[in-house]
PDB file of all heavy atoms in Angstrom:
ATOM      1  N   ILE A   1     231.773 268.786 108.396  1.00  0.00           N
ATOM      2  CA  ILE A   1     230.732 267.843 108.808  1.00  0.00           C
ATOM      3  C   ILE A   1     230.973 266.487 108.145  1.00  0.00           C
ATOM      4  O   ILE A   1     230.896 265.446 108.797  1.00  0.00           O
ATOM      5  CB  ILE A   1     229.334 268.391 108.468  1.00  0.00           C
ATOM      6  CG1 ILE A   1     229.026 269.588 109.368  1.00  0.00           C
ATOM      7  CG2 ILE A   1     228.268 267.301 108.646  1.00  0.00           C
ATOM      8  CD1 ILE A   1     227.786 270.351 108.966  1.00  0.00           C
ATOM      9  N   GLY A   2     231.276 266.498 106.855  1.00  0.00           N
ATOM     10  CA  GLY A   2     231.548 265.241 106.142  1.00  0.00           C
ATOM     11  C   GLY A   2     232.751 264.508 106.712  1.00  0.00           C
ATOM     12  O   GLY A   2     232.728 263.293 106.867  1.00  0.00           O
ATOM     13  N   ALA A   3     233.784 265.230 107.046  1.00  0.00           N
ATOM     14  CA  ALA A   3     234.976 264.602 107.610  1.00  0.00           C
ATOM     15  C   ALA A   3     234.683 264.012 108.983  1.00  0.00           C
ATOM     16  O   ALA A   3     235.188 262.957 109.336  1.00  0.00           O
ATOM     17  CB  ALA A   3     236.113 265.623 107.692  1.00  0.00           C
ATOM     18  N   LEU A   4     233.854 264.711 109.749  1.00  0.00           N
ATOM     19  CA  LEU A   4     233.521 264.203 111.079  1.00  0.00           C
ATOM     20  C   LEU A   4     232.744 262.896 111.018  1.00  0.00           C
ATOM     21  O   LEU A   4     232.958 262.006 111.820  1.00  0.00           O
ATOM     22  CB  LEU A   4     232.713 265.242 111.859  1.00  0.00           C
ATOM     23  CG  LEU A   4     233.515 266.434 112.373  1.00  0.00           C
ATOM     24  CD1 LEU A   4     232.577 267.459 113.002  1.00  0.00           C
ATOM     25  CD2 LEU A   4     234.550 265.980 113.391  1.00  0.00           C
ATOM     26  N   VAL A   5     231.818 262.780 110.093  1.00  0.00           N
ATOM     27  CA  VAL A   5     231.002 261.564 110.021  1.00  0.00           C
ATOM     28  C   VAL A   5     231.546 260.554 109.033  1.00  0.00           C
ATOM     29  O   VAL A   5     231.013 259.464 108.895  1.00  0.00           O
ATOM     30  CB  VAL A   5     229.519 261.897 109.703  1.00  0.00           C
ATOM     31  CG1 VAL A   5     228.888 262.681 110.806  1.00  0.00           C
ATOM     32  CG2 VAL A   5     229.394 262.610 108.381  1.00  0.00           C
ATOM     33  N   GLY A   6     232.617 260.859 108.353  1.00  0.00           N
ATOM     34  CA  GLY A   6     233.283 259.883 107.486  1.00  0.00           C
ATOM     35  C   GLY A   6     232.665 259.733 106.110  1.00  0.00           C
ATOM     36  O   GLY A   6     232.909 258.751 105.430  1.00  0.00           O
ATOM     37  N   PHE A   7     231.858 260.668 105.675  1.00  0.00           N
ATOM     38  CA  PHE A   7     231.208 260.526 104.373  1.00  0.00           C
ATOM     39  C   PHE A   7     231.852 261.374 103.291  1.00  0.00           C
ATOM     40  O   PHE A   7     231.373 261.425 102.177  1.00  0.00           O
ATOM     41  CB  PHE A   7     229.727 260.917 104.463  1.00  0.00           C
ATOM     42  CG  PHE A   7     228.932 259.951 105.269  1.00  0.00           C
ATOM     43  CD1 PHE A   7     228.294 260.354 106.428  1.00  0.00           C
ATOM     44  CD2 PHE A   7     228.832 258.628 104.889  1.00  0.00           C
ATOM     45  CE1 PHE A   7     227.574 259.466 107.170  1.00  0.00           C
ATOM     46  CE2 PHE A   7     228.103 257.729 105.629  1.00  0.00           C
ATOM     47  CZ  PHE A   7     227.470 258.148 106.781  1.00  0.00           C
ATOM     48  N   TRP A   8     232.926 262.016 103.567  1.00  0.00           N
ATOM     49  CA  TRP A   8     233.548 262.883 102.579  1.00  0.00           C
ATOM     50  C   TRP A   8     234.138 262.054 101.458  1.00  0.00           C
ATOM     51  O   TRP A   8     234.823 261.070 101.674  1.00  0.00           O
ATOM     52  CB  TRP A   8     234.634 263.732 103.227  1.00  0.00           C
ATOM     53  CG  TRP A   8     235.273 264.644 102.237  1.00  0.00           C
ATOM     54  CD1 TRP A   8     234.796 265.800 101.772  1.00  0.00           C
ATOM     55  CD2 TRP A   8     236.516 264.420 101.579  1.00  0.00           C
ATOM     56  NE1 TRP A   8     235.644 266.340 100.868  1.00  0.00           N
ATOM     57  CE2 TRP A   8     236.719 265.508 100.712  1.00  0.00           C
ATOM     58  CE3 TRP A   8     237.468 263.421 101.604  1.00  0.00           C
ATOM     59  CZ2 TRP A   8     237.830 265.630  99.916  1.00  0.00           C
ATOM     60  CZ3 TRP A   8     238.577 263.551 100.803  1.00  0.00           C
ATOM     61  CH2 TRP A   8     238.748 264.643  99.972  1.00  0.00           C
ATOM     62  N   LEU A   9     233.828 262.442 100.254  1.00  0.00           N
ATOM     63  CA  LEU A   9     234.411 261.802  99.080  1.00  0.00           C
ATOM     64  C   LEU A   9     235.259 262.830  98.357  1.00  0.00           C
ATOM     65  O   LEU A   9     234.918 264.008  98.309  1.00  0.00           O
ATOM     66  CB  LEU A   9     233.315 261.299  98.138  1.00  0.00           C
ATOM     67  CG  LEU A   9     232.461 260.158  98.658  1.00  0.00           C
ATOM     68  CD1 LEU A   9     231.368 259.832  97.642  1.00  0.00           C
ATOM     69  CD2 LEU A   9     233.286 258.933  98.932  1.00  0.00           C
ATOM     70  N   PRO A  10     236.350 262.400  97.785  1.00  0.00           N
ATOM     71  CA  PRO A  10     237.175 263.332  97.009  1.00  0.00           C
ATOM     72  C   PRO A  10     236.371 263.898  95.833  1.00  0.00           C
ATOM     73  O   PRO A  10     235.322 263.358  95.484  1.00  0.00           O
ATOM     74  CB  PRO A  10     238.331 262.469  96.521  1.00  0.00           C
ATOM     75  CG  PRO A  10     238.216 261.163  97.202  1.00  0.00           C
ATOM     76  CD  PRO A  10     236.873 261.081  97.828  1.00  0.00           C
ATOM     77  N   PRO A  11     236.877 264.921  95.197  1.00  0.00           N
ATOM     78  CA  PRO A  11     236.145 265.572  94.101  1.00  0.00           C
ATOM     79  C   PRO A  11     235.766 264.618  92.970  1.00  0.00           C
ATOM     80  O   PRO A  11     234.763 264.822  92.313  1.00  0.00           O
ATOM     81  CB  PRO A  11     237.108 266.650  93.605  1.00  0.00           C
ATOM     82  CG  PRO A  11     238.091 266.852  94.705  1.00  0.00           C
ATOM     83  CD  PRO A  11     238.123 265.597  95.492  1.00  0.00           C
ATOM     84  N   HIS A  12     236.539 263.558  92.741  1.00  0.00           N
ATOM     85  CA  HIS A  12     236.222 262.654  91.640  1.00  0.00           C
ATOM     86  C   HIS A  12     235.124 261.665  92.024  1.00  0.00           C
ATOM     87  O   HIS A  12     234.695 260.871  91.202  1.00  0.00           O
ATOM     88  CB  HIS A  12     237.476 261.918  91.141  1.00  0.00           C
ATOM     89  CG  HIS A  12     238.268 261.242  92.215  1.00  0.00           C
ATOM     90  ND1 HIS A  12     237.835 260.131  92.868  1.00  0.00           N
ATOM     91  CD2 HIS A  12     239.464 261.578  92.762  1.00  0.00           C
ATOM     92  CE1 HIS A  12     238.736 259.767  93.777  1.00  0.00           C
ATOM     93  NE2 HIS A  12     239.736 260.643  93.725  1.00  0.00           N
ATOM     94  N   GLY A  13     234.657 261.679  93.283  1.00  0.00           N
ATOM     95  CA  GLY A  13     233.518 260.862  93.686  1.00  0.00           C
ATOM     96  C   GLY A  13     233.853 259.457  94.157  1.00  0.00           C
ATOM     97  O   GLY A  13     232.966 258.691  94.476  1.00  0.00           O
ATOM     98  N   ARG A  14     235.119 259.076  94.177  1.00  0.00           N
ATOM     99  CA  ARG A  14     235.504 257.729  94.616  1.00  0.00           C
ATOM    100  C   ARG A  14     236.258 257.812  95.928  1.00  0.00           C
ATOM    101  O   ARG A  14     236.995 258.750  96.172  1.00  0.00           O
ATOM    102  CB  ARG A  14     236.389 257.069  93.564  1.00  0.00           C
ATOM    103  CG  ARG A  14     235.658 256.799  92.271  1.00  0.00           C
ATOM    104  CD  ARG A  14     236.545 256.201  91.227  1.00  0.00           C
ATOM    105  NE  ARG A  14     237.270 255.061  91.758  1.00  0.00           N
ATOM    106  CZ  ARG A  14     238.328 254.534  91.162  1.00  0.00           C
ATOM    107  NH1 ARG A  14     238.771 255.033  90.039  1.00  0.00           N
ATOM    108  NH2 ARG A  14     238.943 253.505  91.681  1.00  0.00           N
ATOM    109  N   ARG A  15     236.055 256.813  96.752  1.00  0.00           N
ATOM    110  CA  ARG A  15     236.807 256.728  98.001  1.00  0.00           C
ATOM    111  C   ARG A  15     238.243 256.313  97.694  1.00  0.00           C
ATOM    112  O   ARG A  15     238.487 255.591  96.735  1.00  0.00           O
ATOM    113  CB  ARG A  15     236.179 255.696  98.920  1.00  0.00           C
ATOM    114  CG  ARG A  15     234.860 256.117  99.464  1.00  0.00           C
ATOM    115  CD  ARG A  15     234.395 255.138 100.521  1.00  0.00           C
ATOM    116  NE  ARG A  15     233.204 255.667 101.131  1.00  0.00           N
ATOM    117  CZ  ARG A  15     232.099 254.988 101.294  1.00  0.00           C
ATOM    118  NH1 ARG A  15     232.029 253.740 100.933  1.00  0.00           N
ATOM    119  NH2 ARG A  15     231.057 255.548 101.845  1.00  0.00           N
ATOM    120  N   PRO A  16     239.170 256.738  98.525  1.00  0.00           N
ATOM    121  CA  PRO A  16     240.547 256.261  98.354  1.00  0.00           C
ATOM    122  C   PRO A  16     240.586 254.737  98.462  1.00  0.00           C
ATOM    123  O   PRO A  16     239.760 254.128  99.141  1.00  0.00           O
ATOM    124  CB  PRO A  16     241.298 256.910  99.518  1.00  0.00           C
ATOM    125  CG  PRO A  16     240.431 258.027  99.992  1.00  0.00           C
ATOM    126  CD  PRO A  16     239.035 257.662  99.637  1.00  0.00           C
ATOM    127  N   ALA A  17     241.541 254.110  97.811  1.00  0.00           N
ATOM    128  CA  ALA A  17     241.628 252.649  97.759  1.00  0.00           C
ATOM    129  C   ALA A  17     241.649 252.025  99.150  1.00  0.00           C
ATOM    130  O   ALA A  17     241.041 250.988  99.384  1.00  0.00           O
ATOM    131  CB  ALA A  17     242.863 252.222  96.971  1.00  0.00           C
ATOM    132  N   ARG A  18     242.323 252.677 100.100  1.00  0.00           N
ATOM    133  CA  ARG A  18     242.400 252.098 101.447  1.00  0.00           C
ATOM    134  C   ARG A  18     241.042 252.075 102.137  1.00  0.00           C
ATOM    135  O   ARG A  18     240.832 251.305 103.068  1.00  0.00           O
ATOM    136  CB  ARG A  18     243.417 252.863 102.284  1.00  0.00           C
ATOM    137  CG  ARG A  18     242.986 254.258 102.653  1.00  0.00           C
ATOM    138  CD  ARG A  18     244.064 254.998 103.457  1.00  0.00           C
ATOM    139  NE  ARG A  18     243.648 256.300 103.865  1.00  0.00           N
ATOM    140  CZ  ARG A  18     243.437 257.341 103.086  1.00  0.00           C
ATOM    141  NH1 ARG A  18     243.600 257.227 101.784  1.00  0.00           N
ATOM    142  NH2 ARG A  18     243.066 258.512 103.573  1.00  0.00           N
ATOM    143  N   ASP A  19     240.097 252.919 101.701  1.00  0.00           N
ATOM    144  CA  ASP A  19     238.772 252.979 102.322  1.00  0.00           C
ATOM    145  C   ASP A  19     237.727 252.146 101.590  1.00  0.00           C
ATOM    146  O   ASP A  19     236.630 251.956 102.097  1.00  0.00           O
ATOM    147  CB  ASP A  19     238.282 254.432 102.376  1.00  0.00           C
ATOM    148  CG  ASP A  19     239.162 255.287 103.277  1.00  0.00           C
ATOM    149  OD1 ASP A  19     239.871 254.711 104.129  1.00  0.00           O
ATOM    150  OD2 ASP A  19     239.145 256.521 103.128  1.00  0.00           O
ATOM    151  N   ARG A  20     238.054 251.684 100.382  1.00  0.00           N
ATOM    152  CA  ARG A  20     237.102 250.868  99.629  1.00  0.00           C
ATOM    153  C   ARG A  20     237.097 249.445 100.127  1.00  0.00           C
ATOM    154  O   ARG A  20     238.139 248.933 100.545  1.00  0.00           O
ATOM    155  CB  ARG A  20     237.469 250.862  98.141  1.00  0.00           C
ATOM    156  CG  ARG A  20     237.019 252.117  97.440  1.00  0.00           C
ATOM    157  CD  ARG A  20     237.301 252.013  95.971  1.00  0.00           C
ATOM    158  NE  ARG A  20     238.345 252.998  95.704  1.00  0.00           N
ATOM    159  CZ  ARG A  20     239.304 252.878  94.842  1.00  0.00           C
ATOM    160  NH1 ARG A  20     239.410 251.812  94.100  1.00  0.00           N
ATOM    161  NH2 ARG A  20     240.194 253.821  94.677  1.00  0.00           N
ATOM    162  N   PRO A  21     235.942 248.780 100.087  1.00  0.00           N
ATOM    163  CA  PRO A  21     235.935 247.372 100.481  1.00  0.00           C
ATOM    164  C   PRO A  21     236.814 246.552  99.550  1.00  0.00           C
ATOM    165  O   PRO A  21     236.858 246.803  98.346  1.00  0.00           O
ATOM    166  CB  PRO A  21     234.479 246.957 100.342  1.00  0.00           C
ATOM    167  CG  PRO A  21     233.736 248.116  99.801  1.00  0.00           C
ATOM    168  CD  PRO A  21     234.669 249.273  99.671  1.00  0.00           C
ATOM    169  N   ARG A  22     237.539 245.599 100.135  1.00  0.00           N
ATOM    170  CA  ARG A  22     238.422 244.740  99.334  1.00  0.00           C
ATOM    171  C   ARG A  22     237.578 243.770  98.522  1.00  0.00           C
ATOM    172  O   ARG A  22     236.701 243.113  99.060  1.00  0.00           O
ATOM    173  CB  ARG A  22     239.347 243.971 100.271  1.00  0.00           C
ATOM    174  CG  ARG A  22     240.529 243.402  99.565  1.00  0.00           C
ATOM    175  CD  ARG A  22     241.438 242.686 100.516  1.00  0.00           C
ATOM    176  NE  ARG A  22     241.337 241.280 100.138  1.00  0.00           N
ATOM    177  CZ  ARG A  22     241.323 240.285 100.974  1.00  0.00           C
ATOM    178  NH1 ARG A  22     241.397 240.477 102.246  1.00  0.00           N
ATOM    179  NH2 ARG A  22     241.224 239.062 100.545  1.00  0.00           N
ATOM    180  N   PRO A  23     237.817 243.672  97.218  1.00  0.00           N
ATOM    181  CA  PRO A  23     237.023 242.749  96.414  1.00  0.00           C
ATOM    182  C   PRO A  23     237.340 241.294  96.746  1.00  0.00           C
ATOM    183  O   PRO A  23     238.449 240.975  97.159  1.00  0.00           O
ATOM    184  CB  PRO A  23     237.439 243.072  94.975  1.00  0.00           C
ATOM    185  CG  PRO A  23     238.788 243.684  95.105  1.00  0.00           C
ATOM    186  CD  PRO A  23     238.826 244.371  96.437  1.00  0.00           C
ATOM    187  N   VAL A  24     236.344 240.447  96.594  1.00  0.00           N
ATOM    188  CA  VAL A  24     236.534 239.019  96.830  1.00  0.00           C
ATOM    189  C   VAL A  24     237.329 238.463  95.661  1.00  0.00           C
ATOM    190  O   VAL A  24     237.005 238.680  94.510  1.00  0.00           O
ATOM    191  CB  VAL A  24     235.170 238.310  96.950  1.00  0.00           C
ATOM    192  CG1 VAL A  24     235.349 236.814  97.045  1.00  0.00           C
ATOM    193  CG2 VAL A  24     234.411 238.840  98.144  1.00  0.00           C
TER     194      VAL A  24
END
């Protein structure tokens, strides 16, 4: 379900770098 809706987070609780918003 998480993978389908895009809310799955890895076990450490952080999104992979490619999915994180780019900092200004």
